[in-house]
N, C-alpha and C. Protein backbone atom coordinates (compact mmCIF):
# COMPACT_ATOMS: atom_id res chain seq x y z
N UNK A 1 0.85 -1.18 0.00
CA UNK A 1 0.00 0.00 0.00
C UNK A 1 0.89 1.23 0.00
N UNK A 2 0.61 2.20 -0.90
CA UNK A 2 1.48 3.39 -0.97
C UNK A 2 1.33 4.26 0.27
N UNK A 3 2.41 4.89 0.62
CA UNK A 3 2.39 5.81 1.75
C UNK A 3 1.97 7.20 1.28
N UNK A 4 1.23 7.89 2.14
CA UNK A 4 0.83 9.26 1.85
C UNK A 4 1.82 10.18 2.55
N UNK A 5 2.44 11.02 1.78
CA UNK A 5 3.37 11.98 2.37
C UNK A 5 2.85 13.38 2.14
N UNK A 6 3.23 14.27 3.01
CA UNK A 6 2.82 15.66 2.89
C UNK A 6 3.69 16.34 1.84
N UNK A 7 3.05 17.14 0.99
CA UNK A 7 3.80 17.86 -0.04
C UNK A 7 4.71 18.89 0.61
N UNK A 8 5.93 19.02 0.11
CA UNK A 8 6.84 20.00 0.71
C UNK A 8 6.50 21.44 0.32
N UNK A 9 5.77 21.62 -0.76
CA UNK A 9 5.43 22.96 -1.22
C UNK A 9 3.91 23.14 -1.22
N UNK A 10 3.47 24.34 -0.92
CA UNK A 10 2.04 24.65 -0.88
C UNK A 10 1.74 25.66 -1.98
N UNK A 11 0.69 25.37 -2.75
CA UNK A 11 0.31 26.26 -3.84
C UNK A 11 -0.77 27.23 -3.35
N UNK A 12 -0.59 28.52 -3.65
CA UNK A 12 -1.57 29.55 -3.32
C UNK A 12 -2.14 30.09 -4.63
N UNK A 13 -3.37 30.58 -4.58
CA UNK A 13 -4.02 31.09 -5.78
C UNK A 13 -4.53 32.50 -5.55
N UNK A 14 -4.68 33.23 -6.64
CA UNK A 14 -5.28 34.56 -6.60
C UNK A 14 -6.43 34.56 -7.59
N UNK A 15 -7.45 35.33 -7.30
CA UNK A 15 -8.62 35.37 -8.16
C UNK A 15 -9.25 36.76 -8.11
N UNK A 16 -9.98 37.11 -9.16
CA UNK A 16 -10.69 38.39 -9.20
C UNK A 16 -11.93 38.28 -8.33
N UNK A 17 -12.18 39.30 -7.53
CA UNK A 17 -13.35 39.33 -6.64
C UNK A 17 -14.39 40.25 -7.25
N UNK A 18 -15.61 39.73 -7.44
CA UNK A 18 -16.72 40.51 -7.96
C UNK A 18 -17.77 40.64 -6.87
N UNK A 19 -18.28 41.85 -6.67
CA UNK A 19 -19.31 42.10 -5.65
C UNK A 19 -20.42 42.92 -6.29
N UNK A 20 -21.64 42.38 -6.22
CA UNK A 20 -22.79 43.08 -6.79
C UNK A 20 -23.32 44.11 -5.80
N UNK A 21 -23.50 45.33 -6.29
CA UNK A 21 -24.00 46.43 -5.47
C UNK A 21 -25.45 46.68 -5.85
N UNK A 22 -26.34 46.88 -4.88
CA UNK A 22 -27.73 47.21 -5.21
C UNK A 22 -27.80 48.52 -6.00
N UNK A 23 -28.74 48.58 -6.93
CA UNK A 23 -28.85 49.76 -7.81
C UNK A 23 -29.10 51.05 -7.04
N UNK A 24 -29.88 50.97 -5.95
CA UNK A 24 -30.18 52.21 -5.21
C UNK A 24 -28.92 52.79 -4.57
N UNK A 25 -27.94 51.95 -4.26
CA UNK A 25 -26.72 52.41 -3.59
C UNK A 25 -25.60 52.73 -4.58
N UNK A 26 -25.74 52.30 -5.83
CA UNK A 26 -24.65 52.41 -6.80
C UNK A 26 -24.08 53.82 -6.96
N UNK A 27 -24.90 54.86 -7.18
CA UNK A 27 -24.30 56.19 -7.40
C UNK A 27 -23.41 56.65 -6.25
N UNK A 28 -23.82 56.40 -5.03
CA UNK A 28 -23.03 56.85 -3.88
C UNK A 28 -21.82 55.97 -3.63
N UNK A 29 -21.96 54.65 -3.85
CA UNK A 29 -20.84 53.73 -3.64
C UNK A 29 -19.78 53.95 -4.71
N UNK A 30 -20.19 54.01 -5.98
CA UNK A 30 -19.21 54.13 -7.07
C UNK A 30 -18.47 55.47 -7.05
N UNK A 31 -19.10 56.50 -6.50
CA UNK A 31 -18.44 57.80 -6.42
C UNK A 31 -17.60 57.94 -5.15
N UNK A 32 -17.70 56.99 -4.24
CA UNK A 32 -16.93 57.04 -3.01
C UNK A 32 -17.56 57.88 -1.92
N UNK A 33 -18.81 58.31 -2.12
CA UNK A 33 -19.48 59.14 -1.11
C UNK A 33 -19.94 58.33 0.09
N UNK A 34 -20.20 57.04 -0.12
CA UNK A 34 -20.49 56.15 1.01
C UNK A 34 -19.52 54.98 0.94
N UNK A 35 -19.24 54.40 2.07
CA UNK A 35 -18.21 53.35 2.11
C UNK A 35 -18.77 51.97 2.44
N UNK A 36 -20.09 51.86 2.61
CA UNK A 36 -20.64 50.57 3.04
C UNK A 36 -21.97 50.31 2.36
N UNK A 37 -22.20 49.07 1.95
CA UNK A 37 -23.50 48.68 1.42
C UNK A 37 -23.79 47.24 1.80
N UNK A 38 -25.09 46.90 1.73
CA UNK A 38 -25.56 45.58 2.12
C UNK A 38 -26.12 44.86 0.91
N UNK A 39 -25.96 43.54 0.90
CA UNK A 39 -26.43 42.72 -0.20
C UNK A 39 -27.07 41.47 0.36
N UNK A 40 -28.32 41.21 -0.03
CA UNK A 40 -29.04 40.05 0.49
C UNK A 40 -29.08 38.90 -0.50
N UNK A 41 -28.47 39.05 -1.66
CA UNK A 41 -28.51 38.00 -2.67
C UNK A 41 -27.86 36.73 -2.15
N UNK A 42 -28.44 35.59 -2.51
CA UNK A 42 -27.83 34.32 -2.13
C UNK A 42 -26.46 34.18 -2.78
N UNK A 43 -26.31 34.71 -3.99
CA UNK A 43 -25.01 34.62 -4.66
C UNK A 43 -23.96 35.48 -3.96
N UNK A 44 -24.41 36.41 -3.12
CA UNK A 44 -23.45 37.24 -2.39
C UNK A 44 -22.60 36.38 -1.47
N UNK A 45 -23.14 35.26 -1.03
CA UNK A 45 -22.37 34.40 -0.14
C UNK A 45 -21.16 33.81 -0.85
N UNK A 46 -21.20 33.75 -2.19
CA UNK A 46 -20.02 33.28 -2.92
C UNK A 46 -18.85 34.25 -2.74
N UNK A 47 -19.17 35.54 -2.69
CA UNK A 47 -18.11 36.53 -2.47
C UNK A 47 -17.62 36.45 -1.03
N UNK A 48 -18.42 35.84 -0.17
CA UNK A 48 -18.03 35.76 1.23
C UNK A 48 -16.84 34.85 1.44
N UNK A 49 -16.49 34.06 0.43
CA UNK A 49 -15.24 33.33 0.58
C UNK A 49 -14.12 34.32 0.72
N UNK A 50 -14.46 35.62 0.58
CA UNK A 50 -13.51 36.68 0.86
C UNK A 50 -12.98 36.58 2.27
N UNK A 51 -13.72 35.86 3.11
CA UNK A 51 -13.23 35.64 4.46
C UNK A 51 -11.95 34.81 4.42
N UNK A 52 -11.65 34.18 3.27
CA UNK A 52 -10.44 33.39 3.13
C UNK A 52 -9.26 34.20 2.63
N UNK A 53 -9.50 35.41 2.15
CA UNK A 53 -8.36 36.17 1.65
C UNK A 53 -8.06 37.35 2.55
N UNK A 54 -6.90 37.90 2.36
CA UNK A 54 -6.44 38.98 3.22
C UNK A 54 -7.06 40.30 2.77
N UNK A 55 -7.56 41.03 3.72
CA UNK A 55 -8.11 42.35 3.45
C UNK A 55 -7.09 43.39 3.88
N UNK A 56 -7.01 44.51 3.24
CA UNK A 56 -7.79 44.95 2.09
C UNK A 56 -7.32 44.29 0.80
N UNK A 57 -8.23 44.22 -0.18
CA UNK A 57 -7.92 43.66 -1.49
C UNK A 57 -8.73 44.38 -2.55
N UNK A 58 -8.28 44.30 -3.78
CA UNK A 58 -9.04 44.90 -4.87
C UNK A 58 -10.27 44.07 -5.17
N UNK A 59 -11.32 44.73 -5.67
CA UNK A 59 -12.53 44.02 -6.09
C UNK A 59 -13.19 44.82 -7.21
N UNK A 60 -14.04 44.15 -7.95
CA UNK A 60 -14.84 44.81 -8.97
C UNK A 60 -16.26 44.91 -8.41
N UNK A 61 -16.68 46.14 -8.12
CA UNK A 61 -18.04 46.37 -7.63
C UNK A 61 -18.87 46.71 -8.87
N UNK A 62 -20.01 46.02 -9.02
CA UNK A 62 -20.81 46.22 -10.23
C UNK A 62 -22.30 46.23 -9.91
N UNK A 63 -23.08 46.66 -10.90
CA UNK A 63 -24.53 46.56 -10.84
C UNK A 63 -25.05 46.33 -12.25
N UNK A 64 -26.19 45.67 -12.33
CA UNK A 64 -26.86 45.51 -13.62
C UNK A 64 -27.57 46.82 -13.92
N UNK A 65 -27.41 47.31 -15.14
CA UNK A 65 -28.02 48.59 -15.52
C UNK A 65 -28.61 48.47 -16.92
N UNK A 66 -29.89 48.74 -17.03
CA UNK A 66 -30.51 48.76 -18.35
C UNK A 66 -30.57 47.42 -19.04
N UNK A 67 -30.71 46.36 -18.30
CA UNK A 67 -30.80 45.03 -18.90
C UNK A 67 -29.74 44.10 -18.36
N UNK A 68 -29.92 42.84 -18.67
CA UNK A 68 -29.03 41.81 -18.12
C UNK A 68 -27.62 41.86 -18.70
N UNK A 69 -27.47 42.41 -19.91
CA UNK A 69 -26.16 42.39 -20.55
C UNK A 69 -25.33 43.64 -20.29
N UNK A 70 -25.94 44.68 -19.75
CA UNK A 70 -25.19 45.92 -19.50
C UNK A 70 -24.85 46.02 -18.02
N UNK A 71 -23.57 46.24 -17.74
CA UNK A 71 -23.10 46.37 -16.36
C UNK A 71 -22.40 47.71 -16.18
N UNK A 72 -22.63 48.32 -15.03
CA UNK A 72 -21.79 49.42 -14.58
C UNK A 72 -20.83 48.81 -13.57
N UNK A 73 -19.56 49.16 -13.63
CA UNK A 73 -18.61 48.59 -12.67
C UNK A 73 -17.48 49.56 -12.39
N UNK A 74 -16.82 49.29 -11.28
CA UNK A 74 -15.67 50.10 -10.87
C UNK A 74 -14.76 49.23 -10.00
N UNK A 75 -13.46 49.34 -10.23
CA UNK A 75 -12.49 48.64 -9.38
C UNK A 75 -12.32 49.47 -8.11
N UNK A 76 -12.49 48.82 -6.96
CA UNK A 76 -12.40 49.51 -5.67
C UNK A 76 -11.57 48.66 -4.72
N UNK A 77 -11.33 49.20 -3.54
CA UNK A 77 -10.59 48.48 -2.52
C UNK A 77 -11.59 47.97 -1.48
N UNK A 78 -11.65 46.66 -1.31
CA UNK A 78 -12.52 46.04 -0.32
C UNK A 78 -11.76 46.01 1.00
N UNK A 79 -12.28 46.71 2.01
CA UNK A 79 -11.58 46.80 3.30
C UNK A 79 -12.27 46.01 4.39
N UNK A 80 -13.50 45.56 4.15
CA UNK A 80 -14.19 44.79 5.18
C UNK A 80 -15.37 44.03 4.60
N UNK A 81 -15.65 42.87 5.19
CA UNK A 81 -16.79 42.06 4.81
C UNK A 81 -17.28 41.33 6.05
N UNK A 82 -18.60 41.33 6.24
CA UNK A 82 -19.15 40.60 7.39
C UNK A 82 -20.58 40.19 7.09
N UNK A 83 -21.09 39.26 7.85
CA UNK A 83 -22.44 38.72 7.71
C UNK A 83 -23.19 39.08 8.99
N UNK A 84 -24.31 39.80 8.85
CA UNK A 84 -25.04 40.22 10.04
C UNK A 84 -26.53 40.31 9.74
N UNK A 85 -27.33 40.39 10.78
CA UNK A 85 -28.77 40.58 10.63
C UNK A 85 -29.03 41.99 10.12
N UNK A 86 -30.01 42.13 9.26
CA UNK A 86 -30.33 43.43 8.67
C UNK A 86 -30.70 44.46 9.72
N UNK A 87 -31.42 44.04 10.76
CA UNK A 87 -31.84 44.95 11.81
C UNK A 87 -30.73 45.33 12.77
N UNK A 88 -29.53 44.75 12.61
CA UNK A 88 -28.42 45.02 13.53
C UNK A 88 -27.62 46.25 13.10
N UNK A 89 -28.08 46.97 12.11
CA UNK A 89 -27.35 48.14 11.63
C UNK A 89 -27.28 49.20 12.72
N UNK A 90 -26.12 49.76 12.92
CA UNK A 90 -25.90 50.77 13.96
C UNK A 90 -25.99 52.17 13.34
N UNK A 91 -25.95 53.19 14.19
CA UNK A 91 -25.94 54.57 13.69
C UNK A 91 -24.69 54.82 12.84
N UNK A 92 -23.58 54.25 13.26
CA UNK A 92 -22.34 54.39 12.49
C UNK A 92 -22.47 53.71 11.13
N UNK A 93 -23.09 52.51 11.11
CA UNK A 93 -23.33 51.80 9.86
C UNK A 93 -24.26 52.56 8.94
N UNK A 94 -25.29 53.19 9.52
CA UNK A 94 -26.20 54.01 8.73
C UNK A 94 -25.46 55.18 8.10
N UNK A 95 -24.58 55.78 8.87
CA UNK A 95 -23.81 56.93 8.36
C UNK A 95 -22.88 56.49 7.23
N UNK A 96 -22.19 55.34 7.40
CA UNK A 96 -21.31 54.84 6.34
C UNK A 96 -22.09 54.46 5.08
N UNK A 97 -23.39 54.11 5.26
CA UNK A 97 -24.25 53.75 4.12
C UNK A 97 -24.93 54.97 3.51
N UNK A 98 -24.68 56.16 4.08
CA UNK A 98 -25.20 57.39 3.50
C UNK A 98 -26.49 57.91 4.10
N UNK A 99 -26.85 57.41 5.29
CA UNK A 99 -28.08 57.85 5.95
C UNK A 99 -27.71 58.58 7.23
N UNK A 100 -28.17 59.82 7.36
CA UNK A 100 -27.88 60.59 8.56
C UNK A 100 -29.13 61.27 9.07
N UNK A 101 -29.09 61.64 10.33
CA UNK A 101 -30.19 62.38 10.92
C UNK A 101 -31.14 61.50 11.69
N UNK A 102 -32.21 62.11 12.16
CA UNK A 102 -33.20 61.44 13.00
C UNK A 102 -33.95 60.36 12.21
N UNK A 103 -34.15 60.58 10.92
CA UNK A 103 -34.94 59.65 10.11
C UNK A 103 -34.06 58.65 9.35
N UNK A 104 -32.81 58.51 9.71
CA UNK A 104 -31.87 57.66 8.98
C UNK A 104 -32.36 56.21 8.90
N UNK A 105 -32.75 55.64 10.02
CA UNK A 105 -33.19 54.24 10.02
C UNK A 105 -34.46 54.07 9.20
N UNK A 106 -35.37 55.01 9.32
CA UNK A 106 -36.63 54.96 8.57
C UNK A 106 -36.34 55.01 7.06
N UNK A 107 -35.44 55.89 6.64
CA UNK A 107 -35.09 56.00 5.22
C UNK A 107 -34.40 54.73 4.73
N UNK A 108 -33.50 54.18 5.55
CA UNK A 108 -32.81 52.95 5.18
C UNK A 108 -33.82 51.82 5.00
N UNK A 109 -34.73 51.68 5.94
CA UNK A 109 -35.74 50.62 5.86
C UNK A 109 -36.61 50.79 4.62
N UNK A 110 -37.00 52.04 4.32
CA UNK A 110 -37.82 52.31 3.14
C UNK A 110 -37.06 51.93 1.87
N UNK A 111 -35.82 52.38 1.73
CA UNK A 111 -35.03 52.07 0.54
C UNK A 111 -34.81 50.57 0.39
N UNK A 112 -34.56 49.89 1.50
CA UNK A 112 -34.34 48.45 1.46
C UNK A 112 -35.60 47.73 0.99
N UNK A 113 -36.75 48.12 1.52
CA UNK A 113 -38.02 47.49 1.15
C UNK A 113 -38.34 47.72 -0.33
N UNK A 114 -38.07 48.90 -0.83
CA UNK A 114 -38.31 49.19 -2.25
C UNK A 114 -37.39 48.33 -3.12
N UNK A 115 -36.12 48.23 -2.74
CA UNK A 115 -35.16 47.45 -3.52
C UNK A 115 -35.50 45.97 -3.53
N UNK A 116 -35.91 45.44 -2.39
CA UNK A 116 -36.17 44.00 -2.26
C UNK A 116 -37.61 43.62 -2.61
N UNK A 117 -38.47 44.60 -2.79
CA UNK A 117 -39.89 44.35 -3.11
C UNK A 117 -40.59 43.52 -2.04
N UNK A 118 -40.24 43.78 -0.80
CA UNK A 118 -40.89 43.08 0.33
C UNK A 118 -40.66 43.87 1.61
N UNK A 119 -41.37 43.48 2.65
CA UNK A 119 -41.25 44.17 3.94
C UNK A 119 -39.84 44.01 4.51
N UNK A 120 -39.42 44.98 5.28
CA UNK A 120 -38.12 44.95 5.95
C UNK A 120 -38.11 43.81 6.97
N UNK A 121 -37.14 42.93 6.88
CA UNK A 121 -37.03 41.78 7.77
C UNK A 121 -35.82 41.97 8.68
N UNK A 122 -36.08 42.25 9.95
CA UNK A 122 -35.00 42.57 10.90
C UNK A 122 -33.98 41.45 11.05
N UNK A 123 -34.43 40.20 11.00
CA UNK A 123 -33.54 39.08 11.28
C UNK A 123 -32.90 38.48 10.03
N UNK A 124 -33.22 39.00 8.86
CA UNK A 124 -32.64 38.49 7.62
C UNK A 124 -31.14 38.74 7.62
N UNK A 125 -30.38 37.70 7.33
CA UNK A 125 -28.92 37.82 7.28
C UNK A 125 -28.50 38.41 5.93
N UNK A 126 -27.64 39.40 5.98
CA UNK A 126 -27.14 40.05 4.77
C UNK A 126 -25.62 40.15 4.85
N UNK A 127 -25.01 40.34 3.67
CA UNK A 127 -23.57 40.58 3.61
C UNK A 127 -23.34 42.07 3.60
N UNK A 128 -22.41 42.53 4.41
CA UNK A 128 -22.07 43.94 4.51
C UNK A 128 -20.65 44.11 3.96
N UNK A 129 -20.52 44.98 2.96
CA UNK A 129 -19.23 45.22 2.32
C UNK A 129 -18.79 46.65 2.60
N UNK A 130 -17.54 46.82 2.98
CA UNK A 130 -16.95 48.13 3.16
C UNK A 130 -15.91 48.31 2.06
N UNK A 131 -16.12 49.34 1.23
CA UNK A 131 -15.25 49.58 0.07
C UNK A 131 -14.87 51.06 0.02
N UNK A 132 -13.82 51.34 -0.75
CA UNK A 132 -13.45 52.72 -1.00
C UNK A 132 -12.74 52.79 -2.34
N UNK A 133 -12.73 53.98 -2.96
CA UNK A 133 -12.00 54.13 -4.23
C UNK A 133 -10.51 53.88 -4.02
N UNK A 134 -9.86 53.49 -5.09
CA UNK A 134 -8.42 53.21 -5.04
C UNK A 134 -7.65 54.53 -5.01
N UNK A 135 -6.62 54.58 -4.18
CA UNK A 135 -5.75 55.74 -4.08
C UNK A 135 -4.38 55.38 -4.66
N UNK A 136 -3.52 56.38 -4.86
CA UNK A 136 -2.23 56.17 -5.52
C UNK A 136 -1.40 55.03 -4.93
N UNK A 137 -1.20 54.99 -3.64
CA UNK A 137 -0.32 54.00 -3.03
C UNK A 137 -0.90 52.60 -2.94
N UNK A 138 -2.19 52.45 -3.20
CA UNK A 138 -2.85 51.15 -3.05
C UNK A 138 -2.31 50.10 -4.00
N UNK A 139 -1.96 50.51 -5.22
CA UNK A 139 -1.51 49.53 -6.21
C UNK A 139 -0.19 48.90 -5.78
N UNK A 140 0.73 49.70 -5.30
CA UNK A 140 2.02 49.16 -4.84
C UNK A 140 1.82 48.27 -3.63
N UNK A 141 1.03 48.72 -2.67
CA UNK A 141 0.80 47.93 -1.45
C UNK A 141 0.07 46.63 -1.77
N UNK A 142 -0.88 46.68 -2.70
CA UNK A 142 -1.59 45.46 -3.10
C UNK A 142 -0.65 44.51 -3.82
N UNK A 143 0.27 45.06 -4.61
CA UNK A 143 1.25 44.22 -5.29
C UNK A 143 2.15 43.50 -4.30
N UNK A 144 2.60 44.20 -3.29
CA UNK A 144 3.43 43.59 -2.25
C UNK A 144 2.63 42.52 -1.51
N UNK A 145 1.36 42.83 -1.19
CA UNK A 145 0.51 41.86 -0.50
C UNK A 145 0.29 40.62 -1.36
N UNK A 146 0.12 40.80 -2.67
CA UNK A 146 -0.09 39.67 -3.57
C UNK A 146 1.15 38.79 -3.65
N UNK A 147 2.31 39.41 -3.77
CA UNK A 147 3.55 38.63 -3.80
C UNK A 147 3.73 37.89 -2.48
N UNK A 148 3.47 38.54 -1.36
CA UNK A 148 3.56 37.86 -0.06
C UNK A 148 2.60 36.69 0.01
N UNK A 149 1.37 36.88 -0.47
CA UNK A 149 0.36 35.82 -0.42
C UNK A 149 0.76 34.62 -1.28
N UNK A 150 1.24 34.90 -2.50
CA UNK A 150 1.55 33.81 -3.42
C UNK A 150 2.92 33.18 -3.19
N UNK A 151 3.90 33.99 -2.83
CA UNK A 151 5.28 33.49 -2.80
C UNK A 151 5.99 33.72 -1.47
N UNK A 152 5.34 34.35 -0.51
CA UNK A 152 6.00 34.70 0.74
C UNK A 152 6.63 33.54 1.47
N UNK A 153 5.88 32.44 1.60
CA UNK A 153 6.42 31.26 2.29
C UNK A 153 7.65 30.72 1.58
N UNK A 154 7.60 30.70 0.25
CA UNK A 154 8.70 30.16 -0.54
C UNK A 154 9.92 31.08 -0.48
N UNK A 155 9.69 32.39 -0.50
CA UNK A 155 10.82 33.33 -0.43
C UNK A 155 11.51 33.24 0.93
N UNK A 156 10.72 33.13 1.99
CA UNK A 156 11.30 33.02 3.33
C UNK A 156 12.11 31.73 3.45
N UNK A 157 11.53 30.62 2.97
CA UNK A 157 12.22 29.34 3.05
C UNK A 157 13.47 29.33 2.18
N UNK A 158 13.38 29.94 0.99
CA UNK A 158 14.54 29.98 0.09
C UNK A 158 15.68 30.78 0.69
N UNK A 159 15.34 31.88 1.38
CA UNK A 159 16.42 32.68 1.96
C UNK A 159 17.06 31.95 3.14
N UNK A 160 16.30 31.08 3.82
CA UNK A 160 16.88 30.28 4.90
C UNK A 160 17.88 29.27 4.35
N UNK A 161 17.55 28.73 3.17
CA UNK A 161 18.40 27.71 2.57
C UNK A 161 19.54 28.31 1.75
N UNK A 162 19.60 29.62 1.67
CA UNK A 162 20.67 30.36 0.98
C UNK A 162 20.79 30.00 -0.48
N UNK A 163 19.67 29.61 -1.10
CA UNK A 163 19.70 29.36 -2.54
C UNK A 163 19.53 30.66 -3.32
N UNK A 164 18.92 31.62 -2.68
CA UNK A 164 18.73 32.92 -3.32
C UNK A 164 19.13 34.01 -2.34
N UNK A 165 19.30 35.19 -2.85
CA UNK A 165 19.60 36.32 -1.98
C UNK A 165 18.37 36.64 -1.16
N UNK A 166 18.53 37.02 0.10
CA UNK A 166 17.36 37.38 0.92
C UNK A 166 16.61 38.56 0.30
N UNK A 167 15.31 38.48 0.30
CA UNK A 167 14.47 39.53 -0.26
C UNK A 167 13.66 40.17 0.84
N UNK A 168 13.44 41.45 0.70
CA UNK A 168 12.60 42.17 1.64
C UNK A 168 11.15 42.06 1.19
N UNK A 169 10.25 41.60 2.07
CA UNK A 169 8.84 41.46 1.74
C UNK A 169 8.04 42.65 2.25
N UNK A 170 8.73 43.67 2.72
CA UNK A 170 8.03 44.84 3.24
C UNK A 170 7.72 45.79 2.08
N UNK A 171 6.61 46.55 2.20
CA UNK A 171 6.31 47.52 1.15
C UNK A 171 7.38 48.59 1.10
N UNK A 172 7.57 49.21 -0.06
CA UNK A 172 8.57 50.27 -0.16
C UNK A 172 8.20 51.45 0.72
N UNK A 173 9.21 52.21 1.14
CA UNK A 173 8.93 53.37 1.99
C UNK A 173 8.05 54.34 1.23
N UNK A 174 6.98 54.77 1.88
CA UNK A 174 6.05 55.70 1.25
C UNK A 174 5.03 55.02 0.38
N UNK A 175 5.44 54.01 -0.40
CA UNK A 175 4.54 53.27 -1.26
C UNK A 175 3.84 54.11 -2.30
N UNK A 176 4.42 55.23 -2.69
CA UNK A 176 3.79 56.15 -3.65
C UNK A 176 4.33 55.90 -5.05
N UNK A 177 3.47 56.14 -6.04
CA UNK A 177 3.87 55.97 -7.43
C UNK A 177 4.09 57.32 -8.09
N UNK A 178 5.09 57.38 -8.99
CA UNK A 178 5.25 58.52 -9.87
C UNK A 178 4.27 58.32 -11.02
N UNK A 179 4.07 59.35 -11.80
CA UNK A 179 3.28 59.15 -13.01
C UNK A 179 4.04 58.18 -13.90
N UNK A 180 3.33 57.30 -14.57
CA UNK A 180 3.98 56.27 -15.37
C UNK A 180 4.14 54.98 -14.61
N UNK A 181 3.75 54.92 -13.34
CA UNK A 181 3.75 53.68 -12.58
C UNK A 181 5.05 53.33 -11.90
N UNK A 182 6.08 54.19 -11.96
CA UNK A 182 7.36 53.88 -11.30
C UNK A 182 7.31 54.34 -9.85
N UNK A 183 8.08 53.68 -9.02
CA UNK A 183 8.17 54.07 -7.62
C UNK A 183 8.97 55.35 -7.47
N UNK A 184 8.56 56.17 -6.52
CA UNK A 184 9.33 57.40 -6.23
C UNK A 184 10.58 57.06 -5.47
């Protein structure tokens, strides 16, 4: 009988993350005026495997517009994801979702009911996404994070075995880009 041995190397993968944004929230989310939105779609749980990747990460936030074949989308930075009851929204969560003032909860409930075509369900579990527009230094930092995720273990092990020169896995100082994509 053959023996089962543990593989000496571990393979890591990277994938594009797509998150559907409700149409009522799209203008404010895509412009960066609000940083949080909720999604009750069952398919949203597929994006929840985001719990397996390191945050923050890039994502494509999209919505269906004018038919099934037309999409509006924007690449953004996903900084948080969680699963919670719809009625558990806090005043801070309402503010991040673009609702302020005394009537914030009432307006949120109204908008949610219109979008879902049903009464507001306090105990319904929804996915909450926190996103923001990409800034200059994000691309460099995301690149370093991606290299660390895919090759970090191998680079650390290789430098221990002195097969390669030791590499720094830290982001560059400042992490800012010049025009043209070069580091400053």
